[in-house]
Amino acid sequence: MDVLVRRVRQGAAEVFTLELTELGFSMLGVETLPPRVFGALLRSCFDDTGPTSEERARIERGEKKQRPASPGGDAKSEVT
């Protein structure tokens, strides 16, 4: 898995996943697959630490948080 991490301010970062595999895996056209795959990926990130109860509730709901537009770009959704 390729991951980009950018520090946005003290104590806060943005994390982006780019590629899960280089072996030809594709989720194109399978609408049910991305939530399952990325949900499992996100849960695995918390295996050793665990989210707070508020974060757990947002993860289970699949809730997305809107973040402000970056310079030269538009607002993006992220699961946080």
Protein backbone atom coordinates (compact mmCIF):
# COMPACT_ATOMS: atom_id res chain seq x y z
CA MET A 1 0.00 0.00 0.00
CA ASP A 2 1.29 3.45 -0.88
CA VAL A 3 0.55 6.17 1.66
CA LEU A 4 1.19 9.91 1.58
CA VAL A 5 1.17 11.82 4.87
CA ARG A 6 1.23 15.59 5.13
CA ARG A 7 1.49 17.58 8.34
CA VAL A 8 -1.20 20.28 8.21
CA ARG A 9 -0.51 21.82 11.62
CA GLN A 10 0.94 20.80 14.95
CA GLY A 11 -0.72 17.56 16.03
CA ALA A 12 -2.67 17.07 12.78
CA ALA A 13 -1.96 15.31 9.51
CA GLU A 14 -3.69 14.32 6.28
CA VAL A 15 -3.24 10.74 5.12
CA PHE A 16 -3.93 9.58 1.56
CA THR A 17 -3.81 6.05 0.21
CA LEU A 18 -2.80 5.78 -3.41
CA GLU A 19 -2.37 2.18 -4.38
CA LEU A 20 -3.27 -1.00 -2.55
CA THR A 21 -1.35 -3.37 -4.75
CA GLU A 22 0.75 -3.48 -7.86
CA LEU A 23 -0.50 -6.92 -8.88
CA GLY A 24 -3.42 -5.80 -11.02
CA PHE A 25 -6.11 -5.57 -8.32
CA SER A 26 -8.96 -3.33 -9.49
CA MET A 27 -12.20 -2.18 -7.90
CA LEU A 28 -13.49 -0.48 -11.04
CA GLY A 29 -17.12 -1.24 -11.67
CA VAL A 30 -17.69 -3.04 -8.36
CA GLU A 31 -19.56 -0.47 -6.26
CA THR A 32 -19.67 -2.61 -3.11
CA LEU A 33 -15.94 -3.32 -3.03
CA PRO A 34 -14.35 0.08 -2.18
CA PRO A 35 -16.26 0.50 1.12
CA ARG A 36 -15.35 -3.05 2.16
CA VAL A 37 -11.68 -2.81 1.17
CA PHE A 38 -11.05 0.69 2.51
CA GLY A 39 -13.08 -0.03 5.65
CA ALA A 40 -10.88 -3.06 6.35
CA LEU A 41 -7.78 -1.00 5.59
CA LEU A 42 -8.84 1.74 7.99
CA ARG A 43 -9.72 -0.75 10.74
CA SER A 44 -6.31 -2.35 10.37
CA CYS A 45 -4.68 1.03 11.00
CA PHE A 46 -6.21 1.03 14.48
CA ASP A 47 -5.34 -2.58 15.39
CA ASP A 48 -2.64 -1.55 17.83
CA THR A 49 -4.12 1.70 19.16
CA GLY A 50 -7.84 1.78 18.55
CA PRO A 51 -9.96 4.82 17.76
CA THR A 52 -11.81 6.88 20.33
CA SER A 53 -15.50 6.10 20.81
CA GLU A 54 -16.38 9.13 18.64
CA GLU A 55 -13.98 8.00 15.88
CA ARG A 56 -15.36 4.44 16.08
CA ALA A 57 -18.93 5.72 15.59
CA ARG A 58 -17.87 7.79 12.55
CA ILE A 59 -15.96 4.85 11.06
CA GLU A 60 -18.92 2.50 11.50
CA ARG A 61 -21.25 5.03 9.85
CA GLY A 62 -18.75 5.57 7.03
CA GLU A 63 -19.08 9.28 7.76
CA LYS A 64 -16.95 11.65 5.76
CA LYS A 65 -15.59 14.91 7.10
CA GLN A 66 -15.25 17.88 4.76
CA ARG A 67 -11.89 19.57 4.94
CA PRO A 68 -11.12 23.08 3.68
CA ALA A 69 -9.92 23.67 0.14
CA SER A 70 -6.19 23.60 -0.38
CA PRO A 71 -4.53 26.47 -2.27
CA GLY A 72 -5.29 25.98 -5.95
CA GLY A 73 -7.72 23.14 -5.27
CA ASP A 74 -11.20 22.47 -4.09
CA ALA A 75 -12.55 20.92 -0.92
CA LYS A 76 -12.11 17.17 -0.54
CA SER A 77 -13.89 14.60 1.60
CA GLU A 78 -11.95 12.42 3.94
CA VAL A 79 -12.80 9.76 6.44
CA THR A 80 -11.33 10.83 9.76
